[in-house]
Amino acid sequence: MTEAASELGFVMSYHASSLASGRSHNIGVVLPFVNRWYFATLLEGANSALMDAGYDLTLYDFQGDRYRESVLGDFLLRKRLDGVLAVSLQLNAHETEQILAAGIPVVGVGGPLPEIPTLRIDDVEGGPPRNQPPDQPGTHPGGPPRRRA
């Protein structure tokens, strides 16, 4: 069957497949800015991982706050996504409730995003202990800088 379809040049209809399965194979990535190094680097990594897994990526760039309301209040609620990756966003209680009520799985990077699983670095626990000096001053990021003669 697959061989015959391939010989005839059949290409599966995205819309028909989505209707039948209830899945879009599309992940929305929401960024506050796309033109900054950190966000562009994260977007590149997310794109590679999603493509390798057979997913499309839909980019939602807040451009600061210019498109915040339309992304959160309209685009993410259109039921076209299987999930959302929210990068370095600060959502208020209403915005969080709105996204969660839509039934779309959401994962944050950076944050914090209350009620949403979030991957982030703990800047306090990730640093050196406050009451313990580094073993060799100047070699530890938390130690005093070395003076050169």
C-alpha atoms as a PDB file:
ATOM      1  CA  MET A   1       0.000   0.000   0.000  1.00  0.00           C
ATOM      2  CA  THR A   2       2.746   2.438   0.964  1.00  0.00           C
ATOM      3  CA  GLU A   3       4.733   1.548  -2.150  1.00  0.00           C
ATOM      4  CA  ALA A   4       1.715   2.120  -4.435  1.00  0.00           C
ATOM      5  CA  ALA A   5       0.995   5.466  -2.794  1.00  0.00           C
ATOM      6  CA  SER A   6       4.618   6.498  -3.245  1.00  0.00           C
ATOM      7  CA  GLU A   7       4.614   5.468  -6.921  1.00  0.00           C
ATOM      8  CA  LEU A   8       1.487   7.561  -7.496  1.00  0.00           C
ATOM      9  CA  GLY A   9       3.069  10.578  -5.805  1.00  0.00           C
ATOM     10  CA  PHE A  10       0.583  10.580  -2.943  1.00  0.00           C
ATOM     11  CA  VAL A  11       1.353  13.046  -0.179  1.00  0.00           C
ATOM     12  CA  MET A  12      -0.600  12.776   3.061  1.00  0.00           C
ATOM     13  CA  SER A  13      -2.938  15.691   3.708  1.00  0.00           C
ATOM     14  CA  TYR A  14      -1.886  17.553   6.840  1.00  0.00           C
ATOM     15  CA  HIS A  15      -5.444  18.722   7.498  1.00  0.00           C
ATOM     16  CA  ALA A  16      -7.022  15.295   7.018  1.00  0.00           C
ATOM     17  CA  SER A  17      -4.408  13.672   9.232  1.00  0.00           C
ATOM     18  CA  SER A  18      -4.936  16.307  11.950  1.00  0.00           C
ATOM     19  CA  LEU A  19      -8.687  15.821  11.878  1.00  0.00           C
ATOM     20  CA  ALA A  20      -8.366  12.045  12.106  1.00  0.00           C
ATOM     21  CA  SER A  21      -5.724  11.974  14.837  1.00  0.00           C
ATOM     22  CA  GLY A  22      -6.572  15.135  16.772  1.00  0.00           C
ATOM     23  CA  ARG A  23      -2.874  16.035  16.650  1.00  0.00           C
ATOM     24  CA  SER A  24      -1.215  18.742  14.610  1.00  0.00           C
ATOM     25  CA  HIS A  25       2.458  17.799  15.093  1.00  0.00           C
ATOM     26  CA  ASN A  26       3.009  21.507  15.620  1.00  0.00           C
ATOM     27  CA  ILE A  27       4.617  23.137  18.660  1.00  0.00           C
ATOM     28  CA  GLY A  28       4.297  26.854  19.327  1.00  0.00           C
ATOM     29  CA  VAL A  29       7.409  28.619  20.596  1.00  0.00           C
ATOM     30  CA  VAL A  30       6.669  31.931  22.319  1.00  0.00           C
ATOM     31  CA  LEU A  31       9.531  34.395  22.751  1.00  0.00           C
ATOM     32  CA  PRO A  32       9.628  37.951  24.079  1.00  0.00           C
ATOM     33  CA  PHE A  33      12.167  38.831  21.339  1.00  0.00           C
ATOM     34  CA  VAL A  34      13.574  36.811  18.461  1.00  0.00           C
ATOM     35  CA  ASN A  35      16.433  39.172  17.553  1.00  0.00           C
ATOM     36  CA  ARG A  36      18.571  38.639  20.666  1.00  0.00           C
ATOM     37  CA  TRP A  37      21.373  36.119  20.935  1.00  0.00           C
ATOM     38  CA  TYR A  38      19.908  34.003  23.742  1.00  0.00           C
ATOM     39  CA  PHE A  39      16.470  33.691  22.145  1.00  0.00           C
ATOM     40  CA  ALA A  40      17.838  33.041  18.650  1.00  0.00           C
ATOM     41  CA  THR A  41      20.145  30.329  20.013  1.00  0.00           C
ATOM     42  CA  LEU A  42      17.338  28.699  21.974  1.00  0.00           C
ATOM     43  CA  LEU A  43      15.062  28.880  18.924  1.00  0.00           C
ATOM     44  CA  GLU A  44      17.698  27.190  16.769  1.00  0.00           C
ATOM     45  CA  GLY A  45      18.017  24.328  19.266  1.00  0.00           C
ATOM     46  CA  ALA A  46      14.254  23.935  19.643  1.00  0.00           C
ATOM     47  CA  ASN A  47      13.817  23.918  15.864  1.00  0.00           C
ATOM     48  CA  SER A  48      16.430  21.184  15.409  1.00  0.00           C
ATOM     49  CA  ALA A  49      14.946  18.996  18.152  1.00  0.00           C
ATOM     50  CA  LEU A  50      11.394  19.436  16.866  1.00  0.00           C
ATOM     51  CA  MET A  51      12.321  18.731  13.239  1.00  0.00           C
ATOM     52  CA  ASP A  52      14.231  15.604  14.275  1.00  0.00           C
ATOM     53  CA  ALA A  53      11.078  14.456  16.104  1.00  0.00           C
ATOM     54  CA  GLY A  54       8.842  15.165  13.084  1.00  0.00           C
ATOM     55  CA  TYR A  55       7.184  18.312  14.456  1.00  0.00           C
ATOM     56  CA  ASP A  56       6.589  21.697  12.891  1.00  0.00           C
ATOM     57  CA  LEU A  57       7.430  24.851  14.811  1.00  0.00           C
ATOM     58  CA  THR A  58       5.238  27.930  14.870  1.00  0.00           C
ATOM     59  CA  LEU A  59       7.016  31.021  16.146  1.00  0.00           C
ATOM     60  CA  TYR A  60       5.226  33.644  18.220  1.00  0.00           C
ATOM     61  CA  ASP A  61       7.404  36.702  18.817  1.00  0.00           C
ATOM     62  CA  PHE A  62       5.977  39.187  21.325  1.00  0.00           C
ATOM     63  CA  GLN A  63       8.392  41.871  20.049  1.00  0.00           C
ATOM     64  CA  GLY A  64       8.515  43.173  23.585  1.00  0.00           C
ATOM     65  CA  ASP A  65       4.834  43.615  24.385  1.00  0.00           C
ATOM     66  CA  ARG A  66       3.690  44.625  20.879  1.00  0.00           C
ATOM     67  CA  TYR A  67       1.960  41.307  20.099  1.00  0.00           C
ATOM     68  CA  ARG A  68       1.593  39.915  23.623  1.00  0.00           C
ATOM     69  CA  GLU A  69      -2.188  40.277  23.827  1.00  0.00           C
ATOM     70  CA  SER A  70      -2.903  38.829  20.379  1.00  0.00           C
ATOM     71  CA  VAL A  71      -0.557  35.855  20.907  1.00  0.00           C
ATOM     72  CA  LEU A  72      -1.877  34.959  24.370  1.00  0.00           C
ATOM     73  CA  GLY A  73      -5.525  35.882  23.781  1.00  0.00           C
ATOM     74  CA  ASP A  74      -5.975  34.583  20.245  1.00  0.00           C
ATOM     75  CA  PHE A  75      -3.217  32.660  18.443  1.00  0.00           C
ATOM     76  CA  LEU A  76      -2.417  30.155  21.209  1.00  0.00           C
ATOM     77  CA  LEU A  77      -6.104  29.393  21.720  1.00  0.00           C
ATOM     78  CA  ARG A  78      -6.845  28.361  18.112  1.00  0.00           C
ATOM     79  CA  LYS A  79      -6.313  24.640  18.781  1.00  0.00           C
ATOM     80  CA  ARG A  80      -3.591  24.360  16.116  1.00  0.00           C
ATOM     81  CA  LEU A  81      -0.839  23.321  18.506  1.00  0.00           C
ATOM     82  CA  ASP A  82       0.071  20.116  20.313  1.00  0.00           C
ATOM     83  CA  GLY A  83       2.091  22.083  22.852  1.00  0.00           C
ATOM     84  CA  VAL A  84       3.716  25.391  23.721  1.00  0.00           C
ATOM     85  CA  LEU A  85       7.275  26.212  24.708  1.00  0.00           C
ATOM     86  CA  ALA A  86       7.174  29.511  26.626  1.00  0.00           C
ATOM     87  CA  VAL A  87      10.638  31.086  26.760  1.00  0.00           C
ATOM     88  CA  SER A  88      11.501  33.638  29.456  1.00  0.00           C
ATOM     89  CA  LEU A  89       7.932  34.852  29.798  1.00  0.00           C
ATOM     90  CA  GLN A  90       6.335  36.379  32.844  1.00  0.00           C
ATOM     91  CA  LEU A  91       2.645  35.569  32.697  1.00  0.00           C
ATOM     92  CA  ASN A  92       0.060  37.023  35.038  1.00  0.00           C
ATOM     93  CA  ALA A  93      -2.568  34.790  36.671  1.00  0.00           C
ATOM     94  CA  HIS A  94      -5.194  35.512  33.975  1.00  0.00           C
ATOM     95  CA  GLU A  95      -2.790  34.717  31.105  1.00  0.00           C
ATOM     96  CA  THR A  96      -1.667  31.486  32.771  1.00  0.00           C
ATOM     97  CA  GLU A  97      -5.261  30.432  33.436  1.00  0.00           C
ATOM     98  CA  GLN A  98      -6.240  31.218  29.833  1.00  0.00           C
ATOM     99  CA  ILE A  99      -3.501  29.006  28.371  1.00  0.00           C
ATOM    100  CA  LEU A 100      -4.065  26.157  30.805  1.00  0.00           C
ATOM    101  CA  ALA A 101      -7.846  26.274  30.229  1.00  0.00           C
ATOM    102  CA  ALA A 102      -7.250  25.753  26.501  1.00  0.00           C
ATOM    103  CA  GLY A 103      -5.865  22.315  27.353  1.00  0.00           C
ATOM    104  CA  ILE A 104      -2.565  22.877  25.578  1.00  0.00           C
ATOM    105  CA  PRO A 105       0.459  21.349  27.316  1.00  0.00           C
ATOM    106  CA  VAL A 106       2.906  24.146  28.200  1.00  0.00           C
ATOM    107  CA  VAL A 107       6.536  23.970  29.261  1.00  0.00           C
ATOM    108  CA  GLY A 108       8.537  27.025  30.239  1.00  0.00           C
ATOM    109  CA  VAL A 109      12.214  27.780  29.786  1.00  0.00           C
ATOM    110  CA  GLY A 110      13.376  30.479  32.160  1.00  0.00           C
ATOM    111  CA  GLY A 111      10.694  31.919  34.245  1.00  0.00           C
ATOM    112  CA  PRO A 112       9.300  31.410  36.827  1.00  0.00           C
ATOM    113  CA  LEU A 113       5.894  30.423  35.504  1.00  0.00           C
ATOM    114  CA  PRO A 114       3.625  29.449  38.404  1.00  0.00           C
ATOM    115  CA  GLU A 115       1.555  26.305  37.702  1.00  0.00           C
ATOM    116  CA  ILE A 116       3.602  25.543  34.554  1.00  0.00           C
ATOM    117  CA  PRO A 117       6.523  23.073  34.503  1.00  0.00           C
ATOM    118  CA  THR A 118       9.589  25.220  33.877  1.00  0.00           C
ATOM    119  CA  LEU A 119      13.239  24.499  33.166  1.00  0.00           C
ATOM    120  CA  ARG A 120      15.424  27.171  34.702  1.00  0.00           C
ATOM    121  CA  ILE A 121      18.682  27.797  36.484  1.00  0.00           C
ATOM    122  CA  ASP A 122      18.515  28.554  40.175  1.00  0.00           C
ATOM    123  CA  ASP A 123      20.836  31.546  40.383  1.00  0.00           C
ATOM    124  CA  VAL A 124      21.047  31.320  44.181  1.00  0.00           C
ATOM    125  CA  GLU A 125      21.604  27.564  44.599  1.00  0.00           C
ATOM    126  CA  GLY A 126      23.703  27.398  41.416  1.00  0.00           C
ATOM    127  CA  GLY A 127      26.287  29.826  42.796  1.00  0.00           C
ATOM    128  CA  PRO A 128      28.979  29.250  45.391  1.00  0.00           C
ATOM    129  CA  PRO A 129      27.965  28.977  49.047  1.00  0.00           C
ATOM    130  CA  ARG A 130      27.919  32.413  50.636  1.00  0.00           C
ATOM    131  CA  ASN A 131      29.652  31.349  53.820  1.00  0.00           C
ATOM    132  CA  GLN A 132      32.430  29.295  52.210  1.00  0.00           C
ATOM    133  CA  PRO A 133      35.356  30.954  50.413  1.00  0.00           C
ATOM    134  CA  PRO A 134      36.574  29.332  47.170  1.00  0.00           C
ATOM    135  CA  ASP A 135      39.595  27.004  47.456  1.00  0.00           C
ATOM    136  CA  GLN A 136      41.750  29.115  45.181  1.00  0.00           C
ATOM    137  CA  PRO A 137      40.838  32.793  44.913  1.00  0.00           C
ATOM    138  CA  GLY A 138      40.469  33.899  41.318  1.00  0.00           C
ATOM    139  CA  THR A 139      39.812  30.429  39.910  1.00  0.00           C
ATOM    140  CA  HIS A 140      36.203  30.173  41.056  1.00  0.00           C
ATOM    141  CA  PRO A 141      33.549  32.384  39.446  1.00  0.00           C
ATOM    142  CA  GLY A 142      32.526  33.577  42.915  1.00  0.00           C
ATOM    143  CA  GLY A 143      36.086  34.313  44.082  1.00  0.00           C
ATOM    144  CA  PRO A 144      37.916  37.620  44.008  1.00  0.00           C
ATOM    145  CA  PRO A 145      39.607  38.540  40.734  1.00  0.00           C
ATOM    146  CA  ARG A 146      43.321  37.815  40.338  1.00  0.00           C
ATOM    147  CA  ARG A 147      45.660  40.729  40.141  1.00  0.00           C
ATOM    148  CA  ARG A 148      48.324  40.577  37.514  1.00  0.00           C
ATOM    149  CA  ALA A 149      51.776  41.939  38.196  1.00  0.00           C
END
